[in-house]
Protein backbone atom coordinates (compact mmCIF):
# COMPACT_ATOMS: atom_id res chain seq x y z
CA UNK A 1 -0.11 0.09 0.15
CA UNK A 2 1.31 3.53 -1.02
CA UNK A 3 2.49 5.63 1.81
CA UNK A 4 0.56 8.49 3.28
CA UNK A 5 1.80 11.89 2.50
CA UNK A 6 1.73 15.17 4.84
CA UNK A 7 2.93 18.77 3.82
CA UNK A 8 3.71 21.92 5.86
CA UNK A 9 4.40 25.42 4.40
CA UNK A 10 6.93 27.58 5.70
CA UNK A 11 5.07 29.23 8.49
CA UNK A 12 6.77 29.79 11.61
CA UNK A 13 7.15 26.95 14.32
CA UNK A 14 6.61 29.23 16.94
CA UNK A 15 8.40 28.45 20.49
CA UNK A 16 8.77 25.01 21.43
CA UNK A 17 11.08 23.37 24.21
CA UNK A 18 12.60 20.12 24.85
CA UNK A 19 11.94 18.73 28.36
CA UNK A 20 14.61 19.71 30.83
CA UNK A 21 17.85 18.37 30.23
CA UNK A 22 17.17 16.90 26.56
CA UNK A 23 18.91 18.46 23.64
CA UNK A 24 19.40 18.00 19.77
CA UNK A 25 22.72 17.57 18.11
CA UNK A 26 23.81 16.42 14.41
CA UNK A 27 25.55 13.16 13.61
CA UNK A 28 28.90 12.46 14.93
CA UNK A 29 30.98 9.52 13.64
CA UNK A 30 30.17 6.35 15.65
CA UNK A 31 26.38 7.33 16.29
CA UNK A 32 25.24 4.54 13.99
CA UNK A 33 24.41 1.82 16.42
CA UNK A 34 22.51 4.36 18.46
CA UNK A 35 20.80 5.35 15.24
CA UNK A 36 19.63 1.83 14.78
CA UNK A 37 18.53 1.43 18.39
CA UNK A 38 16.18 4.31 17.93
CA UNK A 39 14.70 2.81 14.66
CA UNK A 40 14.90 -1.00 15.28
CA UNK A 41 11.39 -1.26 17.01
CA UNK A 42 9.66 1.29 15.01
CA UNK A 43 9.09 -0.79 11.75
CA UNK A 44 11.59 1.35 9.75
CA UNK A 45 13.03 -1.68 7.84
CA UNK A 46 15.99 -1.57 10.58
CA UNK A 47 16.56 -5.31 11.73
CA UNK A 48 19.74 -5.08 13.49
CA UNK A 49 22.23 -3.04 15.33
CA UNK A 50 25.24 -1.97 13.66
CA UNK A 51 27.44 0.79 12.12
CA UNK A 52 27.19 -1.15 8.87
CA UNK A 53 23.34 -0.74 8.66
CA UNK A 54 23.42 2.57 9.58
CA UNK A 55 25.84 3.47 6.69
CA UNK A 56 23.74 1.42 4.23
CA UNK A 57 20.37 3.14 5.27
CA UNK A 58 21.80 6.52 5.77
CA UNK A 59 25.34 7.42 4.76
CA UNK A 60 24.72 5.90 1.46
CA UNK A 61 21.58 7.81 0.57
CA UNK A 62 22.54 10.65 -1.67
CA UNK A 63 19.72 12.66 -0.45
CA UNK A 64 20.99 12.65 3.46
CA UNK A 65 23.70 14.98 4.24
CA UNK A 66 25.09 13.45 7.43
CA UNK A 67 24.99 16.99 9.26
CA UNK A 68 21.12 16.80 8.84
CA UNK A 69 20.78 13.14 10.67
CA UNK A 70 19.80 14.67 14.16
CA UNK A 71 20.09 13.05 17.60
CA UNK A 72 17.81 13.89 20.89
CA UNK A 73 20.10 13.58 23.82
CA UNK A 74 18.56 12.71 27.26
CA UNK A 75 19.74 14.09 30.31
CA UNK A 76 21.52 11.37 31.12
CA UNK A 77 23.62 11.17 27.82
CA UNK A 78 21.86 8.56 26.04
CA UNK A 79 20.50 8.83 22.59
CA UNK A 80 16.62 8.87 23.20
CA UNK A 81 15.82 9.44 19.31
CA UNK A 82 16.87 10.52 15.89
CA UNK A 83 15.12 12.55 12.99
CA UNK A 84 16.47 13.27 9.56
CA UNK A 85 15.99 16.05 6.88
CA UNK A 86 16.42 14.79 3.41
CA UNK A 87 17.00 16.97 0.46
CA UNK A 88 14.59 16.22 -2.55
CA UNK A 89 14.86 17.13 -6.19
CA UNK A 90 12.61 20.29 -5.78
CA UNK A 91 14.65 23.17 -4.84
CA UNK A 92 11.83 24.85 -2.57
CA UNK A 93 10.85 21.24 -0.72
CA UNK A 94 12.63 19.51 2.38
CA UNK A 95 11.70 16.34 3.49
CA UNK A 96 11.54 14.75 7.02
CA UNK A 97 12.84 11.10 7.10
CA UNK A 98 13.35 8.32 9.21
CA UNK A 99 12.05 9.44 12.90
CA UNK A 100 12.75 6.97 15.25
CA UNK A 101 12.76 7.20 19.41
CA UNK A 102 14.06 4.43 21.68
CA UNK A 103 11.42 2.30 23.31
CA UNK A 104 12.06 3.55 26.59
CA UNK A 105 11.57 7.07 25.75
CA UNK A 106 8.22 6.75 23.98
CA UNK A 107 5.20 8.53 25.16
CA UNK A 108 7.09 11.21 26.80
CA UNK A 109 6.57 14.18 24.46
CA UNK A 110 9.80 14.15 22.72
CA UNK A 111 8.55 13.56 19.14
CA UNK A 112 7.04 16.97 18.74
CA UNK A 113 9.87 19.29 19.80
CA UNK A 114 12.28 16.84 17.74
CA UNK A 115 9.95 17.28 14.66
CA UNK A 116 9.70 21.18 15.25
CA UNK A 117 13.29 21.37 15.72
CA UNK A 118 13.97 19.88 12.26
CA UNK A 119 11.10 21.95 10.53
CA UNK A 120 13.09 24.80 11.88
CA UNK A 121 16.26 23.63 10.39
CA UNK A 122 14.39 23.18 6.81
CA UNK A 123 13.04 26.43 6.97
CA UNK A 124 16.47 28.05 7.80
CA UNK A 125 17.60 26.30 4.66
CA UNK A 126 14.93 28.69 2.76
CA UNK A 127 12.76 25.93 1.94
CA UNK A 128 8.99 26.69 1.05
CA UNK A 129 7.71 23.62 1.87
CA UNK A 130 8.31 20.41 3.99
CA UNK A 131 6.84 17.12 3.38
CA UNK A 132 6.93 13.48 4.86
CA UNK A 133 5.55 10.12 4.35
CA UNK A 134 4.08 7.53 6.81
CA UNK A 135 1.70 4.70 7.39
CA UNK A 136 -1.77 4.47 8.37
CA UNK A 137 -1.13 2.53 11.43
CA UNK A 138 1.40 5.13 12.94
CA UNK A 139 -1.69 7.13 14.51
CA UNK A 140 0.59 8.63 17.57
CA UNK A 141 3.29 9.81 14.86
CA UNK A 142 0.55 11.16 12.75
CA UNK A 143 -1.12 13.24 15.80
CA UNK A 144 2.33 14.65 16.11
CA UNK A 145 2.59 15.54 12.59
CA UNK A 146 -0.73 17.43 12.78
CA UNK A 147 0.17 19.32 15.81
CA UNK A 148 3.40 20.18 13.96
CA UNK A 149 1.50 21.93 11.47
CA UNK A 150 1.45 19.22 8.62
CA UNK A 151 -1.68 18.49 6.69
CA UNK A 152 -2.57 15.21 4.60
CA UNK A 153 -2.07 15.33 0.81
CA UNK A 154 -4.51 13.48 -1.55
CA UNK A 155 -2.29 12.02 -3.86
CA UNK A 156 -4.06 8.83 -5.03
CA UNK A 157 -7.90 8.07 -5.16
CA UNK A 158 -8.03 6.25 -2.14
CA UNK A 159 -6.43 8.61 -0.07
CA UNK A 160 -9.37 10.61 1.05
CA UNK A 161 -11.05 7.53 2.45
CA UNK A 162 -7.63 6.71 4.21
CA UNK A 163 -7.23 9.90 5.75
CA UNK A 164 -10.98 10.13 6.94
CA UNK A 165 -10.36 6.74 8.82
CA UNK A 166 -7.13 7.85 10.38
CA UNK A 167 -9.09 11.09 11.47
CA UNK A 168 -11.89 8.79 12.90
CA UNK A 169 -9.30 6.89 14.83
CA UNK A 170 -7.77 9.97 16.14
CA UNK A 171 -10.95 11.51 17.81
């Protein structure tokens, strides 16, 4: 089944804050296993934890600049989550790609500030639009994307029906 598409224009993200002690930073060499730890349980086609898997999925992706792979660091210094800004073929469009939060950090309200952080980075690059793709069953993620200002795109004949079902599940 084709993934759902969401888009956001370049309106300001406004004020957002991470919980106390959390902060974001860009990729550093040897972050690959931490990235895999964040993505392995999220059904993102990450099936093992290794620097090689990370390199294959992210570093070998021509649309990803390693400096645009971001990590959320917890107050204890552990990597809690990851989110990536991917380039597209359209000059005015940025793309959010591969969002993952380690299992023990789920439900702590971390996804929204992570998403807004990367939206802000993309806007600082001068992009007019930002998109992302997701799946129907990712209801918590979709709620986060709505809160971050993303809207559904009806790019296929069955999209309206699928989006209506998701909106019903969210209410």
